PDB file of N, CA and C in Angstrom:
ATOM      1  N   MET A   1      25.729 210.379-116.506  1.00  0.00           N
ATOM      2  CA  MET A   1      24.567 209.566-116.907  1.00  0.00           C
ATOM      3  C   MET A   1      23.848 209.264-115.891  1.00  0.00           C
ATOM      4  N   ASP A   2      22.406 208.951-116.053  1.00  0.00           N
ATOM      5  CA  ASP A   2      21.577 208.416-115.067  1.00  0.00           C
ATOM      6  C   ASP A   2      21.888 207.271-114.322  1.00  0.00           C
ATOM      7  N   PRO A   3      21.880 207.304-112.843  1.00  0.00           N
ATOM      8  CA  PRO A   3      22.113 205.800-112.077  1.00  0.00           C
ATOM      9  C   PRO A   3      21.362 204.852-112.575  1.00  0.00           C
ATOM     10  N   LYS A   4      19.904 205.071-112.944  1.00  0.00           N
ATOM     11  CA  LYS A   4      19.163 203.982-113.233  1.00  0.00           C
ATOM     12  C   LYS A   4      19.541 203.510-114.373  1.00  0.00           C
ATOM     13  N   GLY A   5      19.983 204.335-115.332  1.00  0.00           N
ATOM     14  CA  GLY A   5      20.209 203.975-116.925  1.00  0.00           C
ATOM     15  C   GLY A   5      21.359 202.789-116.521  1.00  0.00           C
ATOM     16  N   LEU A   6      22.370 203.289-115.991  1.00  0.00           N
ATOM     17  CA  LEU A   6      23.602 202.658-115.440  1.00  0.00           C
ATOM     18  C   LEU A   6      23.202 201.012-115.149  1.00  0.00           C
ATOM     19  N   ALA A   7      22.189 201.187-114.212  1.00  0.00           N
ATOM     20  CA  ALA A   7      21.764 199.812-113.679  1.00  0.00           C
ATOM     21  C   ALA A   7      21.176 199.060-114.725  1.00  0.00           C
ATOM     22  N   TYR A   8      20.278 199.622-115.666  1.00  0.00           N
ATOM     23  CA  TYR A   8      19.687 198.878-116.653  1.00  0.00           C
ATOM     24  C   TYR A   8      20.875 198.371-117.474  1.00  0.00           C
ATOM     25  N   LEU A   9      22.007 199.237-117.616  1.00  0.00           N
ATOM     26  CA  LEU A   9      23.048 198.597-118.629  1.00  0.00           C
ATOM     27  C   LEU A   9      23.858 197.550-118.014  1.00  0.00           C
ATOM     28  N   GLY A  10      23.791 197.348-116.563  1.00  0.00           N
ATOM     29  CA  GLY A  10      24.539 196.532-116.188  1.00  0.00           C
ATOM     30  C   GLY A  10      23.952 195.054-115.690  1.00  0.00           C
ATOM     31  N   ALA A  11      22.567 195.508-115.732  1.00  0.00           N
ATOM     32  CA  ALA A  11      21.733 194.228-115.825  1.00  0.00           C
ATOM     33  C   ALA A  11      21.667 193.529-117.218  1.00  0.00           C
ATOM     34  N   GLY A  12      21.675 194.486-118.067  1.00  0.00           N
ATOM     35  CA  GLY A  12      21.700 193.964-119.365  1.00  0.00           C
ATOM     36  C   GLY A  12      22.942 193.048-119.662  1.00  0.00           C
ATOM     37  N   ILE A  13      23.988 193.494-119.388  1.00  0.00           N
ATOM     38  CA  ILE A  13      25.492 193.162-119.477  1.00  0.00           C
ATOM     39  C   ILE A  13      25.399 191.675-118.957  1.00  0.00           C
ATOM     40  N   GLY A  14      25.023 191.827-117.652  1.00  0.00           N
ATOM     41  CA  GLY A  14      25.089 190.707-116.716  1.00  0.00           C
ATOM     42  C   GLY A  14      24.194 189.452-117.159  1.00  0.00           C
ATOM     43  N   ALA A  15      22.945 189.882-117.616  1.00  0.00           N
ATOM     44  CA  ALA A  15      22.346 188.821-118.041  1.00  0.00           C
ATOM     45  C   ALA A  15      22.607 188.060-119.416  1.00  0.00           C
ATOM     46  N   GLY A  16      23.292 188.928-120.307  1.00  0.00           N
ATOM     47  CA  GLY A  16      23.803 188.306-121.581  1.00  0.00           C
ATOM     48  C   GLY A  16      24.931 187.360-121.101  1.00  0.00           C
ATOM     49  N   LEU A  17      25.805 187.623-120.225  1.00  0.00           N
ATOM     50  CA  LEU A  17      27.058 187.097-119.713  1.00  0.00           C
ATOM     51  C   LEU A  17      26.541 185.761-119.070  1.00  0.00           C
ATOM     52  N   ALA A  18      25.307 185.923-118.372  1.00  0.00           N
ATOM     53  CA  ALA A  18      24.916 184.718-117.679  1.00  0.00           C
ATOM     54  C   ALA A  18      24.217 183.753-118.611  1.00  0.00           C
ATOM     55  N   ILE A  19      23.636 184.073-119.754  1.00  0.00           N
ATOM     56  CA  ILE A  19      23.245 183.153-120.852  1.00  0.00           C
ATOM     57  C   ILE A  19      24.274 182.690-121.449  1.00  0.00           C
ATOM     58  N   ILE A  20      25.439 183.484-121.837  1.00  0.00           N
ATOM     59  CA  ILE A  20      26.425 182.964-122.432  1.00  0.00           C
ATOM     60  C   ILE A  20      27.112 181.608-121.898  1.00  0.00           C
ATOM     61  N   GLY A  21      27.323 182.060-120.741  1.00  0.00           N
ATOM     62  CA  GLY A  21      28.132 181.119-119.731  1.00  0.00           C
ATOM     63  C   GLY A  21      27.308 179.715-119.594  1.00  0.00           C
ATOM     64  N   GLY A  22      26.090 179.832-119.033  1.00  0.00           N
ATOM     65  CA  GLY A  22      25.369 178.716-119.066  1.00  0.00           C
ATOM     66  C   GLY A  22      24.998 178.159-120.456  1.00  0.00           C
ATOM     67  N   GLY A  23      24.865 178.798-121.639  1.00  0.00           N
ATOM     68  CA  GLY A  23      24.897 177.952-122.859  1.00  0.00           C
ATOM     69  C   GLY A  23      26.187 177.315-123.256  1.00  0.00           C
ATOM     70  N   ALA A  24      27.303 177.872-122.837  1.00  0.00           N
ATOM     71  CA  ALA A  24      28.815 177.380-122.963  1.00  0.00           C
ATOM     72  C   ALA A  24      28.887 176.159-122.305  1.00  0.00           C
ATOM     73  N   GLY A  25      28.395 176.297-121.106  1.00  0.00           N
ATOM     74  CA  GLY A  25      28.532 174.975-120.122  1.00  0.00           C
ATOM     75  C   GLY A  25      27.852 174.063-120.392  1.00  0.00           C
ATOM     76  N   ILE A  26      26.712 174.093-120.796  1.00  0.00           N
ATOM     77  CA  ILE A  26      25.748 172.784-121.331  1.00  0.00           C
ATOM     78  C   ILE A  26      26.341 172.374-122.583  1.00  0.00           C
ATOM     79  N   GLY A  27      26.570 173.249-123.484  1.00  0.00           N
ATOM     80  CA  GLY A  27      27.194 172.685-124.707  1.00  0.00           C
ATOM     81  C   GLY A  27      28.555 171.792-124.585  1.00  0.00           C
ATOM     82  N   ARG A  28      29.539 172.228-123.482  1.00  0.00           N
ATOM     83  CA  ARG A  28      30.632 171.579-123.340  1.00  0.00           C
ATOM     84  C   ARG A  28      30.059 170.332-122.434  1.00  0.00           C
ATOM     85  N   LEU A  29      29.181 170.246-121.598  1.00  0.00           N
ATOM     86  CA  LEU A  29      28.586 168.944-121.137  1.00  0.00           C
ATOM     87  C   LEU A  29      27.985 167.885-121.815  1.00  0.00           C
ATOM     88  N   ALA A  30      27.522 168.356-123.100  1.00  0.00           N
ATOM     89  CA  ALA A  30      26.817 167.573-123.969  1.00  0.00           C
ATOM     90  C   ALA A  30      27.790 167.191-124.691  1.00  0.00           C
ATOM     91  N   ALA A  31      28.840 167.815-125.192  1.00  0.00           N
ATOM     92  CA  ALA A  31      30.050 167.213-125.971  1.00  0.00           C
ATOM     93  C   ALA A  31      30.574 166.277-125.482  1.00  0.00           C
ATOM     94  N   ALA A  32      30.901 166.559-123.923  1.00  0.00           N
ATOM     95  CA  ALA A  32      31.563 165.162-123.126  1.00  0.00           C
ATOM     96  C   ALA A  32      30.920 163.866-123.129  1.00  0.00           C
ATOM     97  N   ALA A  33      29.582 164.590-122.606  1.00  0.00           N
ATOM     98  CA  ALA A  33      28.743 163.066-122.634  1.00  0.00           C
ATOM     99  C   ALA A  33      28.660 162.630-124.209  1.00  0.00           C
ATOM    100  N   LEU A  34      28.456 162.856-125.289  1.00  0.00           N
ATOM    101  CA  LEU A  34      28.289 162.277-126.370  1.00  0.00           C
ATOM    102  C   LEU A  34      29.639 161.483-126.871  1.00  0.00           C
ATOM    103  N   GLU A  35      30.687 162.338-126.523  1.00  0.00           N
ATOM    104  CA  GLU A  35      31.856 161.502-126.744  1.00  0.00           C
ATOM    105  C   GLU A  35      32.048 160.239-125.439  1.00  0.00           C
ATOM    106  N   GLY A  36      31.636 160.170-124.353  1.00  0.00           N
ATOM    107  CA  GLY A  36      31.434 159.043-123.485  1.00  0.00           C
ATOM    108  C   GLY A  36      30.735 158.115-123.832  1.00  0.00           C
ATOM    109  N   ILE A  37      29.761 158.593-124.543  1.00  0.00           N
ATOM    110  CA  ILE A  37      28.779 157.431-125.117  1.00  0.00           C
ATOM    111  C   ILE A  37      29.193 156.461-126.287  1.00  0.00           C
ATOM    112  N   ALA A  38      29.801 157.774-127.142  1.00  0.00           N
ATOM    113  CA  ALA A  38      30.615 157.097-128.279  1.00  0.00           C
ATOM    114  C   ALA A  38      31.988 155.900-127.944  1.00  0.00           C
ATOM    115  N   ARG A  39      32.355 156.407-126.729  1.00  0.00           N
ATOM    116  CA  ARG A  39      33.460 155.253-126.478  1.00  0.00           C
ATOM    117  C   ARG A  39      32.942 154.316-125.677  1.00  0.00           C
ATOM    118  N   GLN A  40      31.694 154.159-125.029  1.00  0.00           N
ATOM    119  CA  GLN A  40      31.508 153.214-124.199  1.00  0.00           C
ATOM    120  C   GLN A  40      29.830 153.138-124.315  1.00  0.00           C
ATOM    121  N   PRO A  41      29.189 152.658-125.498  1.00  0.00           N
ATOM    122  CA  PRO A  41      27.890 152.385-125.643  1.00  0.00           C
ATOM    123  C   PRO A  41      27.001 152.019-124.668  1.00  0.00           C
ATOM    124  N   ASN A  42      27.706 151.019-123.793  1.00  0.00           N
ATOM    125  CA  ASN A  42      26.864 150.140-123.189  1.00  0.00           C
ATOM    126  C   ASN A  42      26.629 151.360-121.188  1.00  0.00           C
ATOM    127  N   ALA A  43      27.132 151.956-121.275  1.00  0.00           N
ATOM    128  CA  ALA A  43      27.118 153.233-120.074  1.00  0.00           C
ATOM    129  C   ALA A  43      26.342 154.218-120.543  1.00  0.00           C
ATOM    130  N   VAL A  44      25.366 154.415-121.553  1.00  0.00           N
ATOM    131  CA  VAL A  44      24.583 155.103-121.868  1.00  0.00           C
ATOM    132  C   VAL A  44      23.693 155.524-120.847  1.00  0.00           C
ATOM    133  N   ALA A  45      22.948 154.871-120.078  1.00  0.00           N
ATOM    134  CA  ALA A  45      21.950 155.203-118.848  1.00  0.00           C
ATOM    135  C   ALA A  45      22.814 156.010-117.814  1.00  0.00           C
ATOM    136  N   ASP A  46      23.925 155.557-117.353  1.00  0.00           N
ATOM    137  CA  ASP A  46      24.709 156.375-116.402  1.00  0.00           C
ATOM    138  C   ASP A  46      25.232 157.607-116.899  1.00  0.00           C
ATOM    139  N   ILE A  47      25.815 157.792-118.053  1.00  0.00           N
ATOM    140  CA  ILE A  47      26.073 158.916-118.515  1.00  0.00           C
ATOM    141  C   ILE A  47      24.884 159.958-118.681  1.00  0.00           C
ATOM    142  N   ARG A  48      23.771 159.519-119.304  1.00  0.00           N
ATOM    143  CA  ARG A  48      22.643 160.363-119.385  1.00  0.00           C
ATOM    144  C   ARG A  48      22.060 160.726-118.213  1.00  0.00           C
ATOM    145  N   GLY A  49      22.107 159.925-117.015  1.00  0.00           N
ATOM    146  CA  GLY A  49      21.663 160.445-115.580  1.00  0.00           C
ATOM    147  C   GLY A  49      22.762 161.410-115.165  1.00  0.00           C
ATOM    148  N   ALA A  50      23.951 161.230-115.382  1.00  0.00           N
ATOM    149  CA  ALA A  50      24.944 162.432-114.601  1.00  0.00           C
ATOM    150  C   ALA A  50      24.915 163.438-115.566  1.00  0.00           C
ATOM    151  N   MET A  51      24.326 163.472-116.804  1.00  0.00           N
ATOM    152  CA  MET A  51      24.501 164.850-117.664  1.00  0.00           C
ATOM    153  C   MET A  51      23.081 165.482-117.210  1.00  0.00           C
ATOM    154  N   ILE A  52      22.097 164.744-116.840  1.00  0.00           N
ATOM    155  CA  ILE A  52      20.872 165.474-116.679  1.00  0.00           C
ATOM    156  C   ILE A  52      20.885 166.285-115.521  1.00  0.00           C
ATOM    157  N   VAL A  53      21.686 165.604-114.415  1.00  0.00           N
ATOM    158  CA  VAL A  53      21.835 166.274-113.165  1.00  0.00           C
ATOM    159  C   VAL A  53      22.805 167.657-113.447  1.00  0.00           C
ATOM    160  N   ALA A  54      23.647 167.164-113.998  1.00  0.00           N
ATOM    161  CA  ALA A  54      24.685 168.580-114.270  1.00  0.00           C
ATOM    162  C   ALA A  54      24.112 169.614-115.044  1.00  0.00           C
ATOM    163  N   ALA A  55      23.171 169.303-115.945  1.00  0.00           N
ATOM    164  CA  ALA A  55      22.667 170.124-116.804  1.00  0.00           C
ATOM    165  C   ALA A  55      21.514 170.939-115.997  1.00  0.00           C
ATOM    166  N   GLY A  56      21.019 170.397-115.045  1.00  0.00           N
ATOM    167  CA  GLY A  56      19.937 171.069-113.916  1.00  0.00           C
ATOM    168  C   GLY A  56      20.916 171.934-113.454  1.00  0.00           C
ATOM    169  N   LEU A  57      21.951 171.300-112.535  1.00  0.00           N
ATOM    170  CA  LEU A  57      22.701 172.415-112.016  1.00  0.00           C
ATOM    171  C   LEU A  57      23.227 173.713-112.700  1.00  0.00           C
ATOM    172  N   ILE A  58      23.564 173.527-113.800  1.00  0.00           N
ATOM    173  CA  ILE A  58      24.137 174.570-114.823  1.00  0.00           C
ATOM    174  C   ILE A  58      22.845 175.535-114.730  1.00  0.00           C
ATOM    175  N   GLU A  59      21.839 175.095-115.285  1.00  0.00           N
ATOM    176  CA  GLU A  59      20.508 176.023-115.465  1.00  0.00           C
ATOM    177  C   GLU A  59      19.982 176.511-114.385  1.00  0.00           C
ATOM    178  N   GLY A  60      20.208 175.905-113.128  1.00  0.00           N
ATOM    179  CA  GLY A  60      19.775 176.660-111.935  1.00  0.00           C
ATOM    180  C   GLY A  60      20.770 177.851-111.655  1.00  0.00           C
ATOM    181  N   ALA A  61      21.864 177.677-111.714  1.00  0.00           N
ATOM    182  CA  ALA A  61      22.990 178.767-111.626  1.00  0.00           C
ATOM    183  C   ALA A  61      22.662 179.778-112.759  1.00  0.00           C
ATOM    184  N   THR A  62      22.558 179.621-113.736  1.00  0.00           N
ATOM    185  CA  THR A  62      21.899 180.485-114.977  1.00  0.00           C
ATOM    186  C   THR A  62      20.647 181.381-114.314  1.00  0.00           C
ATOM    187  N   PHE A  63      19.925 180.813-113.799  1.00  0.00           N
ATOM    188  CA  PHE A  63      18.586 181.090-113.563  1.00  0.00           C
ATOM    189  C   PHE A  63      18.893 181.983-112.285  1.00  0.00           C
ATOM    190  N   PHE A  64      19.654 181.695-111.603  1.00  0.00           N
ATOM    191  CA  PHE A  64      19.818 182.503-110.220  1.00  0.00           C
ATOM    192  C   PHE A  64      20.681 183.872-110.686  1.00  0.00           C
ATOM    193  N   ALA A  65      21.501 183.601-111.616  1.00  0.00           N
ATOM    194  CA  ALA A  65      22.352 184.823-112.025  1.00  0.00           C
ATOM    195  C   ALA A  65      21.327 186.015-112.740  1.00  0.00           C
ATOM    196  N   LEU A  66      20.155 185.334-113.706  1.00  0.00           N
ATOM    197  CA  LEU A  66      19.070 186.392-114.154  1.00  0.00           C
ATOM    198  C   LEU A  66      18.321 186.785-113.174  1.00  0.00           C
ATOM    199  N   ILE A  67      17.932 186.230-112.262  1.00  0.00           N
ATOM    200  CA  ILE A  67      17.032 186.761-111.126  1.00  0.00           C
ATOM    201  C   ILE A  67      17.899 188.079-110.491  1.00  0.00           C
ATOM    202  N   VAL A  68      19.155 187.657-110.103  1.00  0.00           N
ATOM    203  CA  VAL A  68      19.949 188.597-109.806  1.00  0.00           C
ATOM    204  C   VAL A  68      20.062 190.161-110.491  1.00  0.00           C
ATOM    205  N   THR A  69      20.035 189.794-111.726  1.00  0.00           N
ATOM    206  CA  THR A  69      20.242 190.823-112.634  1.00  0.00           C
ATOM    207  C   THR A  69      18.814 191.499-112.923  1.00  0.00           C
ATOM    208  N   ILE A  70      17.524 190.689-112.725  1.00  0.00           N
ATOM    209  CA  ILE A  70      16.338 191.640-112.977  1.00  0.00           C
ATOM    210  C   ILE A  70      16.385 192.186-111.604  1.00  0.00           C
ATOM    211  N   LEU A  71      16.715 191.557-110.526  1.00  0.00           N
ATOM    212  CA  LEU A  71      16.481 192.550-109.241  1.00  0.00           C
ATOM    213  C   LEU A  71      17.249 193.549-109.300  1.00  0.00           C
ATOM    214  N   LEU A  72      18.443 193.679-109.685  1.00  0.00           N
ATOM    215  CA  LEU A  72      19.172 195.021-109.741  1.00  0.00           C
ATOM    216  C   LEU A  72      18.828 196.008-110.740  1.00  0.00           C
ATOM    217  N   ALA A  73      17.834 195.608-111.846  1.00  0.00           N
ATOM    218  CA  ALA A  73      17.423 196.390-112.623  1.00  0.00           C
ATOM    219  C   ALA A  73      16.156 197.149-112.283  1.00  0.00           C
ATOM    220  N   ILE A  74      15.496 196.354-111.426  1.00  0.00           N
ATOM    221  CA  ILE A  74      14.293 196.980-110.880  1.00  0.00           C
ATOM    222  C   ILE A  74      14.318 197.869-109.437  1.00  0.00           C
ATOM    223  N   LYS A  75      15.805 197.610-109.060  1.00  0.00           N
ATOM    224  CA  LYS A  75      15.822 198.292-107.564  1.00  0.00           C
ATOM    225  C   LYS A  75      16.240 199.728-107.741  1.00  0.00           C
TER     226      LYS A  75
END
């Protein structure tokens, strides 16, 4: 096989895994936050703030992984 073709294949697999991981992480985060809000409705503001910060960190890691896979594909 062509090394450039393998690089594209690896980048595609890496991008797919990064998106799946980010989606699963945000899904688990949202589920836990909604369960916490259901148990303590008066703590909505605190839970929402922590959830937004955590979701931003998860998305940041996902974007970093996507950038790395794009750089691998064009190298």
